[in-house]
Protein backbone atom coordinates (compact mmCIF):
# COMPACT_ATOMS: atom_id res chain seq x y z
CA MET A 1 82.88 124.96 91.89
CA ALA A 2 80.52 124.69 88.93
CA PHE A 3 80.32 127.70 86.58
CA GLU A 4 83.10 129.50 88.48
CA GLY A 5 84.78 131.04 85.40
CA LEU A 6 81.49 131.95 83.76
CA ALA A 7 80.12 133.36 87.03
CA ASN A 8 83.15 135.61 87.57
CA ARG A 9 83.04 136.96 84.00
CA LEU A 10 79.29 137.60 84.04
CA GLN A 11 79.34 139.18 87.52
CA ASN A 12 82.11 141.58 86.51
CA THR A 13 80.19 142.49 83.34
CA MET A 14 76.94 143.05 85.28
CA ALA A 15 78.74 145.23 87.86
CA LYS A 16 79.60 147.77 85.15
CA ILE A 17 75.96 148.36 84.29
CA ARG A 18 74.20 147.69 87.62
CA GLY A 19 74.16 151.23 88.99
CA LYS A 20 73.65 153.10 85.73
CA GLY A 21 70.77 155.58 85.79
CA LYS A 22 70.76 155.67 82.02
CA VAL A 23 71.64 152.85 79.63
CA SER A 24 72.23 153.41 75.94
CA GLU A 25 72.09 150.90 73.10
CA ALA A 26 75.89 151.21 72.92
CA ASP A 27 76.12 150.14 76.60
CA VAL A 28 73.94 147.11 75.93
CA LYS A 29 75.97 146.21 72.83
CA GLU A 30 79.23 146.38 74.78
CA MET A 31 77.78 144.31 77.58
CA MET A 32 76.46 141.68 75.16
CA ARG A 33 79.91 141.37 73.61
CA GLU A 34 81.32 140.52 77.05
CA VAL A 35 78.47 138.09 77.78
CA ARG A 36 79.01 136.37 74.41
CA LEU A 37 82.72 135.88 75.16
CA ALA A 38 81.96 134.58 78.66
CA LEU A 39 79.47 132.02 77.33
CA LEU A 40 81.75 130.83 74.53
CA GLU A 41 84.64 130.45 76.99
CA ALA A 42 82.33 128.35 79.16
CA ASP A 43 81.97 125.99 76.17
CA VAL A 44 78.34 126.87 75.50
CA ASN A 45 77.21 125.86 72.00
CA TYR A 46 77.73 128.81 69.62
CA LYS A 47 74.18 128.56 68.19
CA VAL A 48 72.79 128.66 71.72
CA VAL A 49 74.96 131.72 72.47
CA LYS A 50 73.77 133.48 69.31
CA ASP A 51 70.08 132.94 70.14
CA PHE A 52 70.61 133.94 73.78
CA ILE A 53 72.38 137.21 72.88
CA LYS A 54 69.67 138.06 70.35
CA LYS A 55 66.85 137.55 72.88
CA VAL A 56 68.57 139.52 75.64
CA SER A 57 69.54 142.38 73.28
CA GLU A 58 66.00 142.75 71.95
CA ARG A 59 64.53 142.91 75.44
CA ALA A 60 67.32 145.06 76.90
CA VAL A 61 66.85 147.91 74.41
CA GLY A 62 63.06 147.76 74.64
CA GLN A 63 60.87 150.51 76.10
CA GLU A 64 60.25 148.58 79.32
CA VAL A 65 63.95 148.71 80.21
CA MET A 66 65.12 152.01 78.73
CA LYS A 67 62.32 154.06 80.35
CA SER A 68 62.51 152.42 83.76
CA LEU A 69 63.98 154.20 86.79
CA THR A 70 66.75 151.61 87.17
CA PRO A 71 67.66 150.50 83.63
CA GLY A 72 70.95 148.93 84.76
CA GLN A 73 69.14 146.63 87.17
CA GLN A 74 66.42 145.93 84.59
CA VAL A 75 69.05 144.71 82.10
CA ILE A 76 70.44 142.34 84.76
CA LYS A 77 66.90 141.11 85.43
CA VAL A 78 66.50 140.36 81.71
CA VAL A 79 69.81 138.44 81.64
CA LYS A 80 68.73 136.39 84.67
CA GLU A 81 65.31 135.58 83.18
CA GLU A 82 66.78 134.52 79.84
CA LEU A 83 69.51 132.47 81.56
CA THR A 84 66.79 130.73 83.58
CA GLU A 85 64.79 130.07 80.41
CA LEU A 86 67.89 128.72 78.67
CA MET A 87 68.26 126.08 81.39
CA GLY A 88 64.61 125.06 81.27
CA GLY A 89 62.61 127.86 82.87
CA GLU A 90 61.32 126.02 85.90
CA GLN A 91 62.15 122.87 87.82
CA SER A 92 61.09 119.74 85.94
CA LYS A 93 59.82 117.19 88.42
CA ILE A 94 60.14 113.44 88.14
CA ALA A 95 57.19 111.61 86.60
CA VAL A 96 54.81 109.46 88.68
CA SER A 97 52.92 106.65 86.97
CA LYS A 98 49.18 106.40 87.60
CA ARG A 99 49.65 102.64 87.66
CA PRO A 100 52.75 101.82 89.79
CA PRO A 101 55.51 101.03 89.51
CA THR A 102 56.98 104.15 87.88
CA VAL A 103 59.75 102.92 85.57
CA ILE A 104 62.94 104.92 84.97
CA LEU A 105 65.42 103.84 82.30
CA MET A 106 68.98 105.03 83.00
CA ALA A 107 71.24 105.51 79.98
CA GLY A 108 74.62 107.08 79.25
CA LEU A 109 78.21 106.70 78.15
CA GLN A 110 80.77 104.78 80.21
CA GLY A 111 82.53 106.93 82.78
CA ALA A 112 79.66 109.41 83.22
CA GLY A 113 78.75 107.88 86.59
CA LYS A 114 75.51 106.19 85.47
CA THR A 115 75.51 103.26 87.91
CA THR A 116 76.40 105.42 90.92
CA THR A 117 73.77 107.98 89.85
CA THR A 118 71.18 105.19 89.68
CA GLY A 119 71.94 104.46 93.35
CA LYS A 120 71.82 108.16 94.25
CA LEU A 121 68.45 108.59 92.53
CA ALA A 122 67.00 105.59 94.38
CA ASN A 123 68.30 107.07 97.64
CA TYR A 124 66.74 110.45 96.79
CA LEU A 125 63.34 108.86 96.04
CA ARG A 126 63.34 106.98 99.32
CA LYS A 127 64.68 109.81 101.46
CA LYS A 128 62.75 112.76 100.03
CA HIS A 129 59.57 111.11 98.77
CA ASN A 130 59.29 108.06 101.02
CA ARG A 131 59.33 105.71 98.01
CA ASN A 132 60.29 102.03 97.82
CA PRO A 133 62.55 101.73 94.74
CA LEU A 134 63.95 98.60 93.13
CA LEU A 135 67.36 98.74 91.45
CA VAL A 136 67.73 96.61 88.32
CA ALA A 137 71.14 95.43 87.04
CA ALA A 138 70.68 95.27 83.25
CA ASP A 139 74.28 96.02 82.18
CA ILE A 140 75.35 92.48 81.26
CA TYR A 141 78.41 93.48 79.24
CA ARG A 142 80.37 94.80 82.17
CA PRO A 143 80.16 92.32 85.08
CA ALA A 144 81.70 94.95 87.33
CA ALA A 145 78.58 97.09 86.77
CA ILE A 146 76.33 94.37 88.23
CA LYS A 147 78.66 93.99 91.22
CA GLN A 148 78.83 97.79 91.64
CA LEU A 149 75.04 98.12 91.72
CA GLU A 150 74.75 95.24 94.20
CA THR A 151 77.35 96.93 96.43
CA LEU A 152 75.42 100.21 96.24
CA GLY A 153 72.23 98.34 97.11
CA LYS A 154 73.90 96.90 100.24
CA GLN A 155 75.19 100.34 101.26
CA LEU A 156 71.72 101.83 100.88
CA GLY A 157 69.86 98.83 102.27
CA MET A 158 67.90 98.49 99.01
CA PRO A 159 67.06 95.42 96.92
CA VAL A 160 68.83 94.88 93.59
CA PHE A 161 67.21 92.69 90.94
CA SER A 162 69.83 90.74 88.96
CA LEU A 163 69.82 87.70 86.71
CA GLY A 164 73.58 87.79 86.11
CA ASP A 165 75.25 88.46 82.75
CA LYS A 166 73.87 85.52 80.74
CA VAL A 167 70.26 86.74 80.41
CA SER A 168 69.32 89.46 77.91
CA PRO A 169 68.62 92.99 79.25
CA VAL A 170 65.14 92.80 77.70
CA GLU A 171 64.29 89.66 79.69
CA ILE A 172 65.85 91.17 82.85
CA ALA A 173 63.63 94.25 82.45
CA LYS A 174 60.48 92.14 81.97
CA GLN A 175 61.14 89.92 84.99
CA ALA A 176 62.16 92.92 87.14
CA LEU A 177 58.82 94.62 86.45
CA GLU A 178 56.93 91.47 87.43
CA TYR A 179 59.01 91.19 90.60
CA ALA A 180 58.44 94.87 91.46
CA LYS A 181 54.65 94.49 91.16
CA ASN A 182 54.63 91.38 93.36
CA GLU A 183 56.88 92.98 95.99
CA HIS A 184 55.06 96.34 95.90
CA HIS A 185 57.95 98.50 94.72
CA ASP A 186 56.62 101.86 93.50
CA TYR A 187 59.74 102.79 91.43
CA VAL A 188 61.94 100.64 89.19
CA LEU A 189 65.34 102.02 88.15
CA ILE A 190 66.90 100.08 85.26
CA ASP A 191 70.68 100.50 84.97
CA THR A 192 71.48 99.79 81.30
CA ALA A 193 74.81 99.14 79.57
CA GLY A 194 77.12 102.11 79.26
CA ARG A 195 78.79 103.00 75.98
CA LEU A 196 82.26 104.22 75.09
CA HIS A 197 80.61 105.94 72.14
CA ILE A 198 77.27 105.79 70.33
CA ASP A 199 77.03 102.13 69.30
CA GLU A 200 74.30 101.04 66.87
CA ASN A 201 73.86 97.51 68.29
CA LEU A 202 73.64 98.63 71.88
CA MET A 203 71.32 101.50 70.90
CA ASP A 204 69.00 98.97 69.22
CA GLU A 205 69.06 96.94 72.41
CA LEU A 206 68.13 100.05 74.42
CA LYS A 207 65.14 100.56 72.13
CA GLN A 208 64.06 96.97 72.80
CA VAL A 209 64.40 97.47 76.58
CA LYS A 210 62.38 100.67 76.21
CA GLU A 211 59.65 98.80 74.34
CA ALA A 212 59.57 95.98 76.92
CA ALA A 213 59.65 98.20 80.03
CA ASN A 214 57.56 101.11 78.68
CA PRO A 215 59.42 103.58 80.95
CA ASP A 216 57.79 106.72 82.36
CA GLU A 217 61.18 108.46 82.27
CA ILE A 218 64.33 107.93 80.21
CA PHE A 219 67.18 109.70 81.97
CA LEU A 220 70.47 110.34 80.25
CA VAL A 221 73.40 110.60 82.66
CA VAL A 222 75.96 113.09 81.36
CA ASP A 223 79.34 114.16 82.72
CA ALA A 224 79.16 117.97 82.98
CA MET A 225 82.94 118.21 82.59
CA THR A 226 82.85 116.92 79.00
CA GLY A 227 81.47 120.24 77.69
CA GLN A 228 80.34 120.25 74.06
CA ASP A 229 80.80 116.47 73.77
CA ALA A 230 78.07 116.08 76.39
CA VAL A 231 75.68 118.06 74.17
CA ASN A 232 76.48 115.92 71.11
CA VAL A 233 75.97 112.73 73.14
CA ALA A 234 72.65 114.03 74.53
CA LYS A 235 71.43 114.90 71.04
CA SER A 236 72.32 111.46 69.67
CA PHE A 237 70.58 109.64 72.54
CA HIS A 238 67.56 111.91 72.24
CA ASP A 239 67.23 111.32 68.49
CA GLU A 240 67.35 107.53 69.02
CA LEU A 241 65.49 107.09 72.30
CA GLY A 242 63.54 110.24 73.05
CA ILE A 243 65.07 111.04 76.45
CA THR A 244 62.75 112.75 78.93
CA GLY A 245 65.41 114.23 81.18
CA VAL A 246 69.11 114.70 81.83
CA ILE A 247 71.10 114.15 85.01
CA LEU A 248 74.36 116.11 85.04
CA THR A 249 77.12 114.54 87.13
CA LYS A 250 80.24 116.26 88.52
CA LEU A 251 78.56 119.67 88.51
CA ASP A 252 80.51 120.36 91.72
CA GLY A 253 83.80 119.95 89.85
CA ASP A 254 85.90 122.45 87.96
CA THR A 255 83.49 122.55 85.05
CA ARG A 256 82.91 125.45 82.68
CA GLY A 257 79.17 124.85 82.70
CA GLY A 258 78.65 124.82 78.94
CA ALA A 259 76.82 121.48 79.00
CA ALA A 260 74.22 122.68 81.50
CA LEU A 261 73.53 125.78 79.44
CA SER A 262 73.40 123.97 76.09
CA ILE A 263 71.70 120.62 76.65
CA ARG A 264 68.17 121.92 77.10
CA ALA A 265 68.38 124.02 73.92
CA ALA A 266 69.96 121.17 71.92
CA THR A 267 67.54 118.40 72.96
CA GLY A 268 64.47 120.04 74.45
CA ALA A 269 64.92 117.61 77.38
CA PRO A 270 65.11 119.28 80.80
CA ILE A 271 67.95 118.85 83.28
CA LYS A 272 66.17 117.12 86.16
CA PHE A 273 69.00 116.45 88.62
CA ALA A 274 72.58 117.48 89.28
CA GLY A 275 75.28 115.39 90.96
CA MET A 276 77.05 117.62 93.48
CA GLY A 277 79.59 115.24 95.01
CA GLU A 278 80.54 111.60 95.48
CA LYS A 279 78.38 110.76 98.50
CA LEU A 280 75.19 108.80 97.88
CA ASP A 281 73.05 111.73 99.04
CA ALA A 282 74.83 114.24 96.76
CA LEU A 283 72.09 114.45 94.14
CA GLU A 284 69.93 117.58 93.94
CA PRO A 285 66.87 118.52 91.87
CA PHE A 286 67.95 121.03 89.24
CA HIS A 287 66.36 124.47 89.69
CA PRO A 288 67.11 126.69 86.63
CA GLU A 289 66.21 129.93 88.41
CA ARG A 290 68.37 129.15 91.45
CA MET A 291 71.28 128.18 89.22
CA ALA A 292 70.91 131.42 87.23
CA SER A 293 70.97 133.37 90.51
CA ARG A 294 74.17 131.62 91.59
CA ILE A 295 75.84 132.25 88.24
CA LEU A 296 75.03 135.97 88.50
CA GLY A 297 76.20 136.22 92.13
CA MET A 298 72.70 136.65 93.56
CA GLY A 299 73.06 133.63 95.83
CA ASP A 300 70.78 130.65 96.35
CA VAL A 301 69.15 131.14 99.72
CA LEU A 302 66.33 128.66 99.07
CA THR A 303 68.72 125.74 98.56
CA LEU A 304 70.71 126.85 101.61
CA ILE A 305 67.53 126.83 103.74
CA GLU A 306 66.53 123.41 102.40
CA LYS A 307 69.96 122.00 103.25
CA ALA A 308 69.70 123.44 106.75
CA GLN A 309 66.22 122.00 107.31
CA GLU A 310 67.39 118.56 106.20
CA ASN A 311 70.55 118.44 108.29
CA VAL A 312 69.78 120.41 111.45
CA ASP A 313 67.87 119.02 114.42
CA GLN A 314 65.25 121.72 115.13
CA GLU A 315 64.82 120.77 118.79
CA LYS A 316 68.57 121.04 119.38
CA ALA A 317 68.55 124.36 117.50
CA LYS A 318 66.03 125.78 119.99
CA GLN A 319 68.13 124.58 122.92
CA LEU A 320 71.20 126.12 121.32
CA GLU A 321 69.49 129.47 120.85
CA GLU A 322 68.66 129.51 124.56
CA LYS A 323 72.28 128.68 125.41
CA MET A 324 73.49 131.53 123.23
CA ARG A 325 71.13 133.91 124.97
CA THR A 326 72.32 132.86 128.44
CA MET A 327 76.01 132.64 127.43
CA SER A 328 76.08 128.95 128.45
CA PHE A 329 77.23 127.82 124.97
CA THR A 330 80.04 125.24 125.41
CA PHE A 331 82.70 123.65 123.24
CA ASP A 332 80.54 120.49 123.08
CA ASP A 333 77.73 122.61 121.58
CA PHE A 334 80.21 124.13 119.14
CA LEU A 335 81.40 120.67 118.07
CA GLU A 336 77.82 119.54 117.50
CA GLN A 337 77.08 122.61 115.37
CA LEU A 338 80.26 122.12 113.36
CA GLU A 339 79.22 118.53 112.58
CA GLN A 340 75.71 119.58 111.49
CA VAL A 341 77.02 122.33 109.21
CA ARG A 342 79.59 119.98 107.67
CA ASN A 343 76.80 117.51 106.90
CA MET A 344 75.21 120.18 104.69
CA GLY A 345 78.09 119.97 102.23
CA PRO A 346 81.44 121.64 101.48
CA LEU A 347 81.59 124.98 103.31
CA ASP A 348 82.88 126.92 100.28
CA GLU A 349 79.83 125.69 98.34
CA LEU A 350 77.49 126.84 101.15
CA ILE A 351 79.18 130.25 101.23
CA SER A 352 78.69 130.60 97.47
CA MET A 353 74.91 130.36 98.06
CA LEU A 354 74.93 133.58 100.09
CA PRO A 355 73.78 136.58 98.00
CA GLY A 356 76.76 138.72 96.99
CA ALA A 357 79.27 136.38 98.64
CA GLY A 358 81.58 136.81 95.66
CA LYS A 359 81.78 140.53 96.32
CA MET A 360 82.24 140.35 100.10
CA LYS A 361 85.69 141.14 101.35
CA GLY A 362 87.39 137.94 102.42
CA LEU A 363 84.74 135.68 100.93
CA LYS A 364 85.58 135.94 97.23
CA ASN A 365 87.10 132.70 95.94
CA ILE A 366 87.27 131.43 99.51
CA GLN A 367 88.72 127.95 99.95
CA VAL A 368 87.71 126.40 103.26
CA ASP A 369 90.54 124.29 104.62
CA GLU A 370 88.93 121.05 105.85
CA LYS A 371 92.30 120.15 107.43
CA GLN A 372 92.04 123.25 109.62
CA LEU A 373 88.52 122.25 110.70
CA SER A 374 89.88 118.82 111.65
CA HIS A 375 92.51 120.56 113.80
CA VAL A 376 89.76 122.50 115.59
CA GLU A 377 87.86 119.26 116.18
CA ALA A 378 90.98 117.51 117.50
CA ILE A 379 91.72 120.39 119.92
CA ILE A 380 88.19 120.30 121.37
CA ARG A 381 88.21 116.51 121.70
CA SER A 382 91.50 116.74 123.63
CA MET A 383 89.82 118.84 126.33
CA THR A 384 88.32 117.37 129.49
CA LYS A 385 84.56 117.67 130.06
CA GLU A 386 85.18 120.46 132.59
CA GLU A 387 87.44 122.36 130.16
CA LYS A 388 84.81 122.20 127.41
CA GLU A 389 82.20 123.66 129.77
CA LYS A 390 84.52 126.22 131.43
CA PRO A 391 87.26 127.27 128.97
CA GLU A 392 88.38 129.98 131.40
CA ILE A 393 90.09 127.31 133.57
CA ILE A 394 92.44 126.36 130.72
CA ASN A 395 95.78 127.68 131.97
CA ALA A 396 99.24 127.40 130.37
CA SER A 397 99.92 123.80 131.44
CA ARG A 398 96.48 122.67 130.28
CA ARG A 399 97.07 124.38 126.90
CA LYS A 400 100.33 122.45 126.48
CA ARG A 401 98.55 119.17 127.27
CA ILE A 402 95.69 119.91 124.84
CA ALA A 403 98.15 120.86 122.09
CA LYS A 404 100.13 117.66 122.61
CA GLY A 405 96.97 115.51 122.72
CA SER A 406 95.57 117.02 119.52
CA GLY A 407 98.83 117.07 117.56
CA THR A 408 98.65 120.86 117.22
CA SER A 409 100.58 123.82 118.62
CA VAL A 410 99.89 125.91 121.72
CA GLN A 411 99.41 128.90 119.37
CA GLU A 412 96.55 127.07 117.61
CA VAL A 413 94.93 126.25 120.96
CA ASN A 414 95.27 129.91 122.05
CA ARG A 415 93.75 131.09 118.76
CA LEU A 416 90.73 128.78 119.09
CA LEU A 417 90.09 129.83 122.72
CA LYS A 418 90.22 133.50 121.74
CA GLN A 419 87.95 133.01 118.73
CA PHE A 420 85.48 131.01 120.83
CA GLU A 421 85.25 133.77 123.42
CA GLU A 422 84.71 136.42 120.72
CA MET A 423 82.06 134.24 119.07
CA LYS A 424 80.16 133.88 122.36
CA LYS A 425 80.11 137.66 122.79
CA MET A 426 78.86 138.13 119.23
CA MET A 427 76.11 135.54 119.74
CA LYS A 428 75.01 137.32 122.92
CA GLN A 429 74.76 140.62 121.00
CA MET A 430 72.80 138.99 118.16
CA THR A 431 70.25 137.41 120.51
CA SER A 432 69.83 140.73 122.36
CA MET A 433 69.29 142.65 119.10
CA THR A 434 66.72 140.23 117.75
CA LYS A 435 64.83 139.45 120.97
CA GLY A 436 61.25 140.64 120.62
CA LYS A 437 61.92 142.30 117.26
CA ARG A 438 61.81 139.38 114.88
CA LYS A 439 59.31 136.74 115.79
CA GLY A 440 60.45 133.27 114.86
CA PHE A 441 64.01 134.42 114.15
CA LYS A 442 66.46 131.62 113.57
CA PHE A 443 70.22 131.89 113.34
CA PRO A 444 71.89 130.75 110.12
CA PHE A 445 72.03 126.95 109.83
CA MET A 446 69.39 126.51 112.55
């Protein structure tokens, strides 16, 4: 998970000061030493670390904090605010041209995931903003890139403008814009040639494409796992092209997070999106405040709610709530819920969005075994319709048959049946407790 090492270090440091009724300058100094080490270990640029520590220290020993009733919590609040500011302060939204189409130039080094990200961004614009994007294949030096974008276009059911690899990227950009206007596309995403390193000739070509297309946004796609190199690349591209935003890929991987915390300070360009997986819908707007909350173990409930709203059928959720109340919840209902929750993303990532999840017993560093979930699914699918609706009829011989049919053991079948019964009882209690007390109450993931 992104920022895992940094998050653990910072959360442990914050825990030492959180409950303090009185905080001295020596306490703040000690804490800042730990924070400095944590940031440097996360591969954050040392100049960025120096400025960050200075700002936090000045605010943390100020009158506002020292004379408050909860100075420990006030210091944590300062750290969160400065961490948020370091990553851009507030969400930077995508530009919209007053005279469509809005043109976005995609740039980046080879291997950063630029072409795939171009497809993901087009998918995001259509899905979340009801836009009609056109993908443009302008990487003529790597024929595989043109084929890759065309394949992505087919997967997404989106048009891809291509003139092959014999026409210059400048001419491709010009003709693509004309085509987009005629076909009423409101966004044009130009996938340019990737680079193994900063290349003067290709950079000149990018400038020419920029001049011809007059883009509203120039997005640099950066691999978050490359750390300080990502910052150097971003700075070089920004100096040459004037990038308007950064898209960080592989932020769901085992990355130290230094790039995300350094790029804004190094370039002044905001991080606009983050790639959180390989699927074509795994691109999220970057919210600095939410990310700061996650790093400090405060959770990210807003993103969790948004994911739930996108992936859960509200009408089915109401029906399910009624079934829970009347104890008529079946294994078919359970299977449906499992599928909807899985569509929201990796379960360990969802758990990390819960406030204080890192401190909860049994939840810290949890690794959800997808293989185990597949076993549960196989067991349920091996049941007859009657068994799913009335688990109490599942006797010893039926359990053997279900185990054999699902490729699992009788012990696993027994465990699931027991857990299901306990879950039904808990759901009944929850609906009884909340009935009439909390208007509009919805269970998690509903």
